[in-house]
Amino acid sequence: MTDCIVVLVTVSSSAEGERIAETVVSEHLAACVNRVGPIRSTYFWEGRVQDDEEWLLVMKTRAAGFAALAARVQALHSYQTPEVIALPIVEGTEAYLGWLRKSTGSF
């Protein structure tokens, strides 16, 4: 297991995804953000099943920086309760993981 994580965030529009991605990368909270979409999300919210078009942000960072990244995403996000979840990166090439660590500030 590495000290690196993938953080998943869904957003309401391509523009919101671009704004959040550019901010977290420029602030070195994430080394890279992939924007995937549009996607369809089906979920339970406010007492009923919702079905919406969203975009998925796939952020790569270090586990030690999750709290700072999550706080920044929540401050920038349009949703009341945005999805901000982390998955461990179990393995990766040393070159990529080294670049990721170097690109994400001093957590």
PDB file of N, CA and C in Angstrom:
ATOM      1  N   MET A   1       0.847  -1.181   0.000  1.00  0.00           N
ATOM      2  CA  MET A   1       0.000   0.000   0.000  1.00  0.00           C
ATOM      3  C   MET A   1       0.889   1.238   0.000  1.00  0.00           C
ATOM      4  N   THR A   2       0.477   2.244  -0.766  1.00  0.00           N
ATOM      5  CA  THR A   2       1.237   3.482  -0.840  1.00  0.00           C
ATOM      6  C   THR A   2       0.595   4.544   0.052  1.00  0.00           C
ATOM      7  N   ASP A   3       1.217   5.697   0.117  1.00  0.00           N
ATOM      8  CA  ASP A   3       0.658   6.836   0.853  1.00  0.00           C
ATOM      9  C   ASP A   3      -0.205   7.701  -0.056  1.00  0.00           C
ATOM     10  N   CYS A   4      -0.529   7.190  -1.235  1.00  0.00           N
ATOM     11  CA  CYS A   4      -1.279   7.952  -2.229  1.00  0.00           C
ATOM     12  C   CYS A   4      -2.721   7.458  -2.320  1.00  0.00           C
ATOM     13  N   ILE A   5      -3.623   8.357  -2.717  1.00  0.00           N
ATOM     14  CA  ILE A   5      -5.039   8.040  -2.815  1.00  0.00           C
ATOM     15  C   ILE A   5      -5.628   8.616  -4.097  1.00  0.00           C
ATOM     16  N   VAL A   6      -6.779   8.079  -4.468  1.00  0.00           N
ATOM     17  CA  VAL A   6      -7.625   8.626  -5.517  1.00  0.00           C
ATOM     18  C   VAL A   6      -8.867   9.167  -4.825  1.00  0.00           C
ATOM     19  N   VAL A   7      -9.231  10.402  -5.127  1.00  0.00           N
ATOM     20  CA  VAL A   7     -10.405  11.025  -4.529  1.00  0.00           C
ATOM     21  C   VAL A   7     -11.439  11.223  -5.629  1.00  0.00           C
ATOM     22  N   LEU A   8     -12.653  10.735  -5.386  1.00  0.00           N
ATOM     23  CA  LEU A   8     -13.749  10.856  -6.336  1.00  0.00           C
ATOM     24  C   LEU A   8     -14.689  11.975  -5.896  1.00  0.00           C
ATOM     25  N   VAL A   9     -15.021  12.836  -6.845  1.00  0.00           N
ATOM     26  CA  VAL A   9     -15.927  13.952  -6.594  1.00  0.00           C
ATOM     27  C   VAL A   9     -16.857  14.061  -7.792  1.00  0.00           C
ATOM     28  N   THR A  10     -18.169  14.151  -7.564  1.00  0.00           N
ATOM     29  CA  THR A  10     -19.091  14.419  -8.659  1.00  0.00           C
ATOM     30  C   THR A  10     -19.510  15.879  -8.602  1.00  0.00           C
ATOM     31  N   VAL A  11     -19.720  16.466  -9.782  1.00  0.00           N
ATOM     32  CA  VAL A  11     -20.116  17.872  -9.891  1.00  0.00           C
ATOM     33  C   VAL A  11     -21.268  17.999 -10.875  1.00  0.00           C
ATOM     34  N   SER A  12     -21.933  19.144 -10.829  1.00  0.00           N
ATOM     35  CA  SER A  12     -23.151  19.345 -11.611  1.00  0.00           C
ATOM     36  C   SER A  12     -22.911  19.736 -13.061  1.00  0.00           C
ATOM     37  N   SER A  13     -21.708  20.213 -13.389  1.00  0.00           N
ATOM     38  CA  SER A  13     -21.469  20.675 -14.756  1.00  0.00           C
ATOM     39  C   SER A  13     -19.993  20.557 -15.116  1.00  0.00           C
ATOM     40  N   SER A  14     -19.738  20.586 -16.402  1.00  0.00           N
ATOM     41  CA  SER A  14     -18.363  20.573 -16.886  1.00  0.00           C
ATOM     42  C   SER A  14     -17.607  21.804 -16.383  1.00  0.00           C
ATOM     43  N   ALA A  15     -18.276  22.954 -16.395  1.00  0.00           N
ATOM     44  CA  ALA A  15     -17.634  24.196 -15.951  1.00  0.00           C
ATOM     45  C   ALA A  15     -17.257  24.137 -14.476  1.00  0.00           C
ATOM     46  N   GLU A  16     -18.143  23.581 -13.644  1.00  0.00           N
ATOM     47  CA  GLU A  16     -17.819  23.455 -12.220  1.00  0.00           C
ATOM     48  C   GLU A  16     -16.642  22.501 -12.032  1.00  0.00           C
ATOM     49  N   GLY A  17     -16.627  21.426 -12.786  1.00  0.00           N
ATOM     50  CA  GLY A  17     -15.524  20.484 -12.702  1.00  0.00           C
ATOM     51  C   GLY A  17     -14.208  21.110 -13.113  1.00  0.00           C
ATOM     52  N   GLU A  18     -14.234  21.890 -14.169  1.00  0.00           N
ATOM     53  CA  GLU A  18     -13.023  22.571 -14.627  1.00  0.00           C
ATOM     54  C   GLU A  18     -12.513  23.547 -13.567  1.00  0.00           C
ATOM     55  N   ARG A  19     -13.430  24.311 -12.981  1.00  0.00           N
ATOM     56  CA  ARG A  19     -13.044  25.303 -11.964  1.00  0.00           C
ATOM     57  C   ARG A  19     -12.422  24.627 -10.738  1.00  0.00           C
ATOM     58  N   ILE A  20     -13.055  23.564 -10.263  1.00  0.00           N
ATOM     59  CA  ILE A  20     -12.533  22.856  -9.089  1.00  0.00           C
ATOM     60  C   ILE A  20     -11.201  22.190  -9.428  1.00  0.00           C
ATOM     61  N   ALA A  21     -11.114  21.545 -10.582  1.00  0.00           N
ATOM     62  CA  ALA A  21      -9.873  20.871 -10.981  1.00  0.00           C
ATOM     63  C   ALA A  21      -8.710  21.853 -11.068  1.00  0.00           C
ATOM     64  N   GLU A  22      -8.919  22.954 -11.743  1.00  0.00           N
ATOM     65  CA  GLU A  22      -7.841  23.937 -11.891  1.00  0.00           C
ATOM     66  C   GLU A  22      -7.411  24.500 -10.540  1.00  0.00           C
ATOM     67  N   THR A  23      -8.364  24.721  -9.644  1.00  0.00           N
ATOM     68  CA  THR A  23      -8.026  25.263  -8.330  1.00  0.00           C
ATOM     69  C   THR A  23      -7.201  24.291  -7.510  1.00  0.00           C
ATOM     70  N   VAL A  24      -7.650  23.038  -7.392  1.00  0.00           N
ATOM     71  CA  VAL A  24      -6.936  22.097  -6.524  1.00  0.00           C
ATOM     72  C   VAL A  24      -5.574  21.713  -7.073  1.00  0.00           C
ATOM     73  N   VAL A  25      -5.428  21.696  -8.402  1.00  0.00           N
ATOM     74  CA  VAL A  25      -4.112  21.407  -8.982  1.00  0.00           C
ATOM     75  C   VAL A  25      -3.192  22.615  -8.804  1.00  0.00           C
ATOM     76  N   SER A  26      -3.684  23.816  -9.060  1.00  0.00           N
ATOM     77  CA  SER A  26      -2.826  25.006  -8.926  1.00  0.00           C
ATOM     78  C   SER A  26      -2.412  25.244  -7.480  1.00  0.00           C
ATOM     79  N   GLU A  27      -3.235  24.792  -6.532  1.00  0.00           N
ATOM     80  CA  GLU A  27      -2.896  24.929  -5.112  1.00  0.00           C
ATOM     81  C   GLU A  27      -2.131  23.713  -4.588  1.00  0.00           C
ATOM     82  N   HIS A  28      -1.757  22.792  -5.452  1.00  0.00           N
ATOM     83  CA  HIS A  28      -0.980  21.586  -5.122  1.00  0.00           C
ATOM     84  C   HIS A  28      -1.690  20.680  -4.118  1.00  0.00           C
ATOM     85  N   LEU A  29      -3.024  20.724  -4.110  1.00  0.00           N
ATOM     86  CA  LEU A  29      -3.805  19.810  -3.278  1.00  0.00           C
ATOM     87  C   LEU A  29      -4.014  18.474  -3.982  1.00  0.00           C
ATOM     88  N   ALA A  30      -3.912  18.483  -5.307  1.00  0.00           N
ATOM     89  CA  ALA A  30      -3.970  17.268  -6.121  1.00  0.00           C
ATOM     90  C   ALA A  30      -2.926  17.399  -7.217  1.00  0.00           C
ATOM     91  N   ALA A  31      -2.320  16.277  -7.563  1.00  0.00           N
ATOM     92  CA  ALA A  31      -1.316  16.294  -8.634  1.00  0.00           C
ATOM     93  C   ALA A  31      -1.984  16.315 -10.003  1.00  0.00           C
ATOM     94  N   CYS A  32      -3.149  15.702 -10.088  1.00  0.00           N
ATOM     95  CA  CYS A  32      -3.844  15.556 -11.362  1.00  0.00           C
ATOM     96  C   CYS A  32      -5.323  15.365 -11.088  1.00  0.00           C
ATOM     97  N   VAL A  33      -6.158  15.893 -11.969  1.00  0.00           N
ATOM     98  CA  VAL A  33      -7.597  15.652 -11.907  1.00  0.00           C
ATOM     99  C   VAL A  33      -8.079  15.284 -13.302  1.00  0.00           C
ATOM    100  N   ASN A  34      -8.674  14.104 -13.421  1.00  0.00           N
ATOM    101  CA  ASN A  34      -9.322  13.707 -14.669  1.00  0.00           C
ATOM    102  C   ASN A  34     -10.796  14.080 -14.567  1.00  0.00           C
ATOM    103  N   ARG A  35     -11.334  14.679 -15.633  1.00  0.00           N
ATOM    104  CA  ARG A  35     -12.754  15.031 -15.677  1.00  0.00           C
ATOM    105  C   ARG A  35     -13.435  14.084 -16.655  1.00  0.00           C
ATOM    106  N   VAL A  36     -14.399  13.324 -16.152  1.00  0.00           N
ATOM    107  CA  VAL A  36     -15.082  12.297 -16.932  1.00  0.00           C
ATOM    108  C   VAL A  36     -16.567  12.663 -17.019  1.00  0.00           C
ATOM    109  N   GLY A  37     -17.099  12.667 -18.213  1.00  0.00           N
ATOM    110  CA  GLY A  37     -18.525  12.917 -18.282  1.00  0.00           C
ATOM    111  C   GLY A  37     -18.974  13.343 -19.662  1.00  0.00           C
ATOM    112  N   PRO A  38     -20.246  13.517 -19.760  1.00  0.00           N
ATOM    113  CA  PRO A  38     -21.207  13.407 -18.673  1.00  0.00           C
ATOM    114  C   PRO A  38     -21.481  11.952 -18.298  1.00  0.00           C
ATOM    115  N   ILE A  39     -21.903  11.766 -17.063  1.00  0.00           N
ATOM    116  CA  ILE A  39     -22.311  10.466 -16.541  1.00  0.00           C
ATOM    117  C   ILE A  39     -23.722  10.617 -15.991  1.00  0.00           C
ATOM    118  N   ARG A  40     -24.393   9.510 -15.744  1.00  0.00           N
ATOM    119  CA  ARG A  40     -25.706   9.531 -15.097  1.00  0.00           C
ATOM    120  C   ARG A  40     -25.524   9.029 -13.680  1.00  0.00           C
ATOM    121  N   SER A  41     -26.096   9.742 -12.719  1.00  0.00           N
ATOM    122  CA  SER A  41     -26.041   9.331 -11.316  1.00  0.00           C
ATOM    123  C   SER A  41     -27.464   9.132 -10.810  1.00  0.00           C
ATOM    124  N   THR A  42     -27.699   7.988 -10.203  1.00  0.00           N
ATOM    125  CA  THR A  42     -28.977   7.682  -9.570  1.00  0.00           C
ATOM    126  C   THR A  42     -28.701   7.527  -8.085  1.00  0.00           C
ATOM    127  N   TYR A  43     -29.437   8.287  -7.270  1.00  0.00           N
ATOM    128  CA  TYR A  43     -29.155   8.315  -5.837  1.00  0.00           C
ATOM    129  C   TYR A  43     -30.407   8.736  -5.069  1.00  0.00           C
ATOM    130  N   PHE A  44     -30.411   8.474  -3.775  1.00  0.00           N
ATOM    131  CA  PHE A  44     -31.530   8.827  -2.909  1.00  0.00           C
ATOM    132  C   PHE A  44     -31.223  10.148  -2.223  1.00  0.00           C
ATOM    133  N   TRP A  45     -32.094  11.142  -2.393  1.00  0.00           N
ATOM    134  CA  TRP A  45     -31.869  12.470  -1.809  1.00  0.00           C
ATOM    135  C   TRP A  45     -33.213  13.149  -1.586  1.00  0.00           C
ATOM    136  N   GLU A  46     -33.369  13.758  -0.433  1.00  0.00           N
ATOM    137  CA  GLU A  46     -34.580  14.497  -0.072  1.00  0.00           C
ATOM    138  C   GLU A  46     -35.841  13.652  -0.235  1.00  0.00           C
ATOM    139  N   GLY A  47     -35.739  12.398   0.231  1.00  0.00           N
ATOM    140  CA  GLY A  47     -36.904  11.530   0.284  1.00  0.00           C
ATOM    141  C   GLY A  47     -37.302  10.839  -0.995  1.00  0.00           C
ATOM    142  N   ARG A  48     -36.485  10.955  -2.039  1.00  0.00           N
ATOM    143  CA  ARG A  48     -36.851  10.270  -3.278  1.00  0.00           C
ATOM    144  C   ARG A  48     -35.617   9.920  -4.108  1.00  0.00           C
ATOM    145  N   VAL A  49     -35.827   9.047  -5.064  1.00  0.00           N
ATOM    146  CA  VAL A  49     -34.756   8.658  -5.987  1.00  0.00           C
ATOM    147  C   VAL A  49     -34.560   9.784  -7.001  1.00  0.00           C
ATOM    148  N   GLN A  50     -33.331  10.206  -7.153  1.00  0.00           N
ATOM    149  CA  GLN A  50     -32.958  11.256  -8.106  1.00  0.00           C
ATOM    150  C   GLN A  50     -32.178  10.613  -9.250  1.00  0.00           C
ATOM    151  N   ASP A  51     -32.237  11.223 -10.411  1.00  0.00           N
ATOM    152  CA  ASP A  51     -31.459  10.775 -11.561  1.00  0.00           C
ATOM    153  C   ASP A  51     -30.972  12.025 -12.283  1.00  0.00           C
ATOM    154  N   ASP A  52     -29.661  12.244 -12.260  1.00  0.00           N
ATOM    155  CA  ASP A  52     -29.107  13.482 -12.798  1.00  0.00           C
ATOM    156  C   ASP A  52     -27.889  13.227 -13.666  1.00  0.00           C
ATOM    157  N   GLU A  53     -27.640  14.175 -14.560  1.00  0.00           N
ATOM    158  CA  GLU A  53     -26.401  14.189 -15.319  1.00  0.00           C
ATOM    159  C   GLU A  53     -25.344  14.882 -14.466  1.00  0.00           C
ATOM    160  N   GLU A  54     -24.190  14.260 -14.344  1.00  0.00           N
ATOM    161  CA  GLU A  54     -23.090  14.826 -13.568  1.00  0.00           C
ATOM    162  C   GLU A  54     -21.780  14.580 -14.313  1.00  0.00           C
ATOM    163  N   TRP A  55     -20.719  15.135 -13.770  1.00  0.00           N
ATOM    164  CA  TRP A  55     -19.356  14.888 -14.225  1.00  0.00           C
ATOM    165  C   TRP A  55     -18.593  14.332 -13.038  1.00  0.00           C
ATOM    166  N   LEU A  56     -17.672  13.425 -13.302  1.00  0.00           N
ATOM    167  CA  LEU A  56     -16.880  12.790 -12.262  1.00  0.00           C
ATOM    168  C   LEU A  56     -15.467  13.327 -12.310  1.00  0.00           C
ATOM    169  N   LEU A  57     -14.984  13.798 -11.169  1.00  0.00           N
ATOM    170  CA  LEU A  57     -13.594  14.223 -11.034  1.00  0.00           C
ATOM    171  C   LEU A  57     -12.833  13.105 -10.337  1.00  0.00           C
ATOM    172  N   VAL A  58     -11.720  12.699 -10.930  1.00  0.00           N
ATOM    173  CA  VAL A  58     -10.857  11.663 -10.361  1.00  0.00           C
ATOM    174  C   VAL A  58      -9.547  12.359 -10.008  1.00  0.00           C
ATOM    175  N   MET A  59      -9.343  12.589  -8.706  1.00  0.00           N
ATOM    176  CA  MET A  59      -8.192  13.359  -8.217  1.00  0.00           C
ATOM    177  C   MET A  59      -7.155  12.428  -7.621  1.00  0.00           C
ATOM    178  N   LYS A  60      -5.892  12.684  -7.928  1.00  0.00           N
ATOM    179  CA  LYS A  60      -4.811  11.917  -7.330  1.00  0.00           C
ATOM    180  C   LYS A  60      -4.009  12.799  -6.392  1.00  0.00           C
ATOM    181  N   THR A  61      -3.831  12.317  -5.152  1.00  0.00           N
ATOM    182  CA  THR A  61      -3.115  13.082  -4.139  1.00  0.00           C
ATOM    183  C   THR A  61      -2.531  12.115  -3.113  1.00  0.00           C
ATOM    184  N   ARG A  62      -2.040  12.668  -2.009  1.00  0.00           N
ATOM    185  CA  ARG A  62      -1.527  11.838  -0.917  1.00  0.00           C
ATOM    186  C   ARG A  62      -2.535  11.805   0.222  1.00  0.00           C
ATOM    187  N   ALA A  63      -2.584  10.700   0.935  1.00  0.00           N
ATOM    188  CA  ALA A  63      -3.548  10.521   2.023  1.00  0.00           C
ATOM    189  C   ALA A  63      -3.430  11.632   3.058  1.00  0.00           C
ATOM    190  N   ALA A  64      -2.221  12.072   3.333  1.00  0.00           N
ATOM    191  CA  ALA A  64      -2.018  13.117   4.338  1.00  0.00           C
ATOM    192  C   ALA A  64      -2.664  14.442   3.943  1.00  0.00           C
ATOM    193  N   GLY A  65      -2.942  14.622   2.667  1.00  0.00           N
ATOM    194  CA  GLY A  65      -3.555  15.856   2.190  1.00  0.00           C
ATOM    195  C   GLY A  65      -5.055  15.782   1.997  1.00  0.00           C
ATOM    196  N   PHE A  66      -5.672  14.642   2.356  1.00  0.00           N
ATOM    197  CA  PHE A  66      -7.107  14.484   2.101  1.00  0.00           C
ATOM    198  C   PHE A  66      -7.946  15.558   2.789  1.00  0.00           C
ATOM    199  N   ALA A  67      -7.697  15.832   4.037  1.00  0.00           N
ATOM    200  CA  ALA A  67      -8.531  16.801   4.770  1.00  0.00           C
ATOM    201  C   ALA A  67      -8.491  18.177   4.107  1.00  0.00           C
ATOM    202  N   ALA A  68      -7.311  18.623   3.706  1.00  0.00           N
ATOM    203  CA  ALA A  68      -7.184  19.931   3.056  1.00  0.00           C
ATOM    204  C   ALA A  68      -7.876  19.929   1.696  1.00  0.00           C
ATOM    205  N   LEU A  69      -7.715  18.853   0.931  1.00  0.00           N
ATOM    206  CA  LEU A  69      -8.372  18.754  -0.365  1.00  0.00           C
ATOM    207  C   LEU A  69      -9.886  18.727  -0.200  1.00  0.00           C
ATOM    208  N   ALA A  70     -10.380  17.921   0.726  1.00  0.00           N
ATOM    209  CA  ALA A  70     -11.825  17.821   0.950  1.00  0.00           C
ATOM    210  C   ALA A  70     -12.413  19.169   1.372  1.00  0.00           C
ATOM    211  N   ALA A  71     -11.730  19.879   2.247  1.00  0.00           N
ATOM    212  CA  ALA A  71     -12.216  21.186   2.694  1.00  0.00           C
ATOM    213  C   ALA A  71     -12.276  22.174   1.532  1.00  0.00           C
ATOM    214  N   ARG A  72     -11.262  22.149   0.672  1.00  0.00           N
ATOM    215  CA  ARG A  72     -11.236  23.077  -0.464  1.00  0.00           C
ATOM    216  C   ARG A  72     -12.337  22.740  -1.466  1.00  0.00           C
ATOM    217  N   VAL A  73     -12.525  21.454  -1.738  1.00  0.00           N
ATOM    218  CA  VAL A  73     -13.593  21.029  -2.644  1.00  0.00           C
ATOM    219  C   VAL A  73     -14.945  21.468  -2.097  1.00  0.00           C
ATOM    220  N   GLN A  74     -15.181  21.244  -0.817  1.00  0.00           N
ATOM    221  CA  GLN A  74     -16.466  21.627  -0.216  1.00  0.00           C
ATOM    222  C   GLN A  74     -16.690  23.136  -0.287  1.00  0.00           C
ATOM    223  N   ALA A  75     -15.640  23.923  -0.134  1.00  0.00           N
ATOM    224  CA  ALA A  75     -15.764  25.381  -0.208  1.00  0.00           C
ATOM    225  C   ALA A  75     -16.110  25.845  -1.626  1.00  0.00           C
ATOM    226  N   LEU A  76     -15.646  25.116  -2.633  1.00  0.00           N
ATOM    227  CA  LEU A  76     -15.853  25.497  -4.029  1.00  0.00           C
ATOM    228  C   LEU A  76     -17.114  24.892  -4.649  1.00  0.00           C
ATOM    229  N   HIS A  77     -17.650  23.869  -4.039  1.00  0.00           N
ATOM    230  CA  HIS A  77     -18.690  23.034  -4.632  1.00  0.00           C
ATOM    231  C   HIS A  77     -20.075  23.655  -4.503  1.00  0.00           C
ATOM    232  N   SER A  78     -20.930  23.402  -5.503  1.00  0.00           N
ATOM    233  CA  SER A  78     -22.295  23.935  -5.481  1.00  0.00           C
ATOM    234  C   SER A  78     -23.273  23.060  -4.692  1.00  0.00           C
ATOM    235  N   TYR A  79     -22.916  21.802  -4.424  1.00  0.00           N
ATOM    236  CA  TYR A  79     -23.837  20.902  -3.721  1.00  0.00           C
ATOM    237  C   TYR A  79     -23.790  21.142  -2.214  1.00  0.00           C
ATOM    238  N   GLN A  80     -24.922  20.921  -1.562  1.00  0.00           N
ATOM    239  CA  GLN A  80     -25.001  20.993  -0.106  1.00  0.00           C
ATOM    240  C   GLN A  80     -24.158  19.891   0.540  1.00  0.00           C
ATOM    241  N   THR A  81     -24.199  18.699  -0.040  1.00  0.00           N
ATOM    242  CA  THR A  81     -23.449  17.547   0.472  1.00  0.00           C
ATOM    243  C   THR A  81     -22.715  16.880  -0.685  1.00  0.00           C
ATOM    244  N   PRO A  82     -21.570  17.431  -1.091  1.00  0.00           N
ATOM    245  CA  PRO A  82     -20.866  16.842  -2.231  1.00  0.00           C
ATOM    246  C   PRO A  82     -20.220  15.502  -1.882  1.00  0.00           C
ATOM    247  N   GLU A  83     -20.127  14.664  -2.896  1.00  0.00           N
ATOM    248  CA  GLU A  83     -19.377  13.418  -2.758  1.00  0.00           C
ATOM    249  C   GLU A  83     -17.892  13.758  -2.776  1.00  0.00           C
ATOM    250  N   VAL A  84     -17.207  13.391  -1.715  1.00  0.00           N
ATOM    251  CA  VAL A  84     -15.747  13.520  -1.652  1.00  0.00           C
ATOM    252  C   VAL A  84     -15.271  12.268  -0.918  1.00  0.00           C
ATOM    253  N   ILE A  85     -14.891  11.251  -1.671  1.00  0.00           N
ATOM    254  CA  ILE A  85     -14.484   9.984  -1.067  1.00  0.00           C
ATOM    255  C   ILE A  85     -13.107   9.585  -1.576  1.00  0.00           C
ATOM    256  N   ALA A  86     -12.352   8.911  -0.723  1.00  0.00           N
ATOM    257  CA  ALA A  86     -10.983   8.517  -1.070  1.00  0.00           C
ATOM    258  C   ALA A  86     -10.858   7.005  -1.141  1.00  0.00           C
ATOM    259  N   LEU A  87     -10.081   6.568  -2.116  1.00  0.00           N
ATOM    260  CA  LEU A  87      -9.745   5.160  -2.289  1.00  0.00           C
ATOM    261  C   LEU A  87      -8.227   5.040  -2.269  1.00  0.00           C
ATOM    262  N   PRO A  88      -7.695   4.011  -1.621  1.00  0.00           N
ATOM    263  CA  PRO A  88      -6.240   3.872  -1.582  1.00  0.00           C
ATOM    264  C   PRO A  88      -5.678   3.466  -2.939  1.00  0.00           C
ATOM    265  N   ILE A  89      -4.502   3.961  -3.237  1.00  0.00           N
ATOM    266  CA  ILE A  89      -3.734   3.455  -4.371  1.00  0.00           C
ATOM    267  C   ILE A  89      -2.840   2.359  -3.806  1.00  0.00           C
ATOM    268  N   VAL A  90      -3.155   1.147  -4.131  1.00  0.00           N
ATOM    269  CA  VAL A  90      -2.448   0.004  -3.556  1.00  0.00           C
ATOM    270  C   VAL A  90      -1.039  -0.096  -4.127  1.00  0.00           C
ATOM    271  N   GLU A  91      -0.915   0.090  -5.427  1.00  0.00           N
ATOM    272  CA  GLU A  91       0.384   0.044  -6.077  1.00  0.00           C
ATOM    273  C   GLU A  91       0.388   0.979  -7.262  1.00  0.00           C
ATOM    274  N   GLY A  92       1.570   1.366  -7.695  1.00  0.00           N
ATOM    275  CA  GLY A  92       1.735   2.196  -8.876  1.00  0.00           C
ATOM    276  C   GLY A  92       3.210   2.219  -9.238  1.00  0.00           C
ATOM    277  N   THR A  93       3.507   2.713 -10.420  1.00  0.00           N
ATOM    278  CA  THR A  93       4.910   2.785 -10.794  1.00  0.00           C
ATOM    279  C   THR A  93       5.611   3.824  -9.925  1.00  0.00           C
ATOM    280  N   GLU A  94       6.845   3.562  -9.618  1.00  0.00           N
ATOM    281  CA  GLU A  94       7.607   4.497  -8.781  1.00  0.00           C
ATOM    282  C   GLU A  94       7.724   5.865  -9.438  1.00  0.00           C
ATOM    283  N   ALA A  95       7.877   5.891 -10.762  1.00  0.00           N
ATOM    284  CA  ALA A  95       7.998   7.171 -11.453  1.00  0.00           C
ATOM    285  C   ALA A  95       6.725   8.002 -11.281  1.00  0.00           C
ATOM    286  N   TYR A  96       5.564   7.372 -11.470  1.00  0.00           N
ATOM    287  CA  TYR A  96       4.298   8.109 -11.344  1.00  0.00           C
ATOM    288  C   TYR A  96       4.052   8.531  -9.900  1.00  0.00           C
ATOM    289  N   LEU A  97       4.227   7.611  -8.967  1.00  0.00           N
ATOM    290  CA  LEU A  97       3.983   7.942  -7.560  1.00  0.00           C
ATOM    291  C   LEU A  97       4.969   8.999  -7.068  1.00  0.00           C
ATOM    292  N   GLY A  98       6.200   8.959  -7.545  1.00  0.00           N
ATOM    293  CA  GLY A  98       7.171   9.992  -7.186  1.00  0.00           C
ATOM    294  C   GLY A  98       6.736  11.355  -7.688  1.00  0.00           C
ATOM    295  N   TRP A  99       6.249  11.409  -8.930  1.00  0.00           N
ATOM    296  CA  TRP A  99       5.738  12.665  -9.492  1.00  0.00           C
ATOM    297  C   TRP A  99       4.532  13.163  -8.695  1.00  0.00           C
ATOM    298  N   LEU A 100       3.626  12.240  -8.352  1.00  0.00           N
ATOM    299  CA  LEU A 100       2.439  12.606  -7.569  1.00  0.00           C
ATOM    300  C   LEU A 100       2.855  13.233  -6.244  1.00  0.00           C
ATOM    301  N   ARG A 101       3.777  12.592  -5.541  1.00  0.00           N
ATOM    302  CA  ARG A 101       4.230  13.114  -4.250  1.00  0.00           C
ATOM    303  C   ARG A 101       4.887  14.501  -4.406  1.00  0.00           C
ATOM    304  N   LYS A 102       5.708  14.629  -5.420  1.00  0.00           N
ATOM    305  CA  LYS A 102       6.425  15.891  -5.656  1.00  0.00           C
ATOM    306  C   LYS A 102       5.451  17.029  -6.014  1.00  0.00           C
ATOM    307  N   SER A 103       4.331  16.683  -6.635  1.00  0.00           N
ATOM    308  CA  SER A 103       3.375  17.682  -7.126  1.00  0.00           C
ATOM    309  C   SER A 103       2.333  18.119  -6.110  1.00  0.00           C
ATOM    310  N   THR A 104       2.346  17.523  -4.922  1.00  0.00           N
ATOM    311  CA  THR A 104       1.258  17.779  -3.964  1.00  0.00           C
ATOM    312  C   THR A 104       1.712  18.422  -2.668  1.00  0.00           C
ATOM    313  N   GLY A 105       2.474  19.473  -2.744  1.00  0.00           N
ATOM    314  CA  GLY A 105       2.804  20.239  -1.541  1.00  0.00           C
ATOM    315  C   GLY A 105       3.529  19.455  -0.479  1.00  0.00           C
ATOM    316  N   SER A 106       3.474  19.970   0.714  1.00  0.00           N
ATOM    317  CA  SER A 106       4.238  19.368   1.834  1.00  0.00           C
ATOM    318  C   SER A 106       3.304  18.962   2.953  1.00  0.00           C
ATOM    319  N   PHE A 107       2.536  17.911   2.704  1.00  0.00           N
ATOM    320  CA  PHE A 107       1.595  17.402   3.724  1.00  0.00           C
ATOM    321  C   PHE A 107       2.355  16.628   4.773  1.00  0.00           C
TER     322      PHE A 107
END
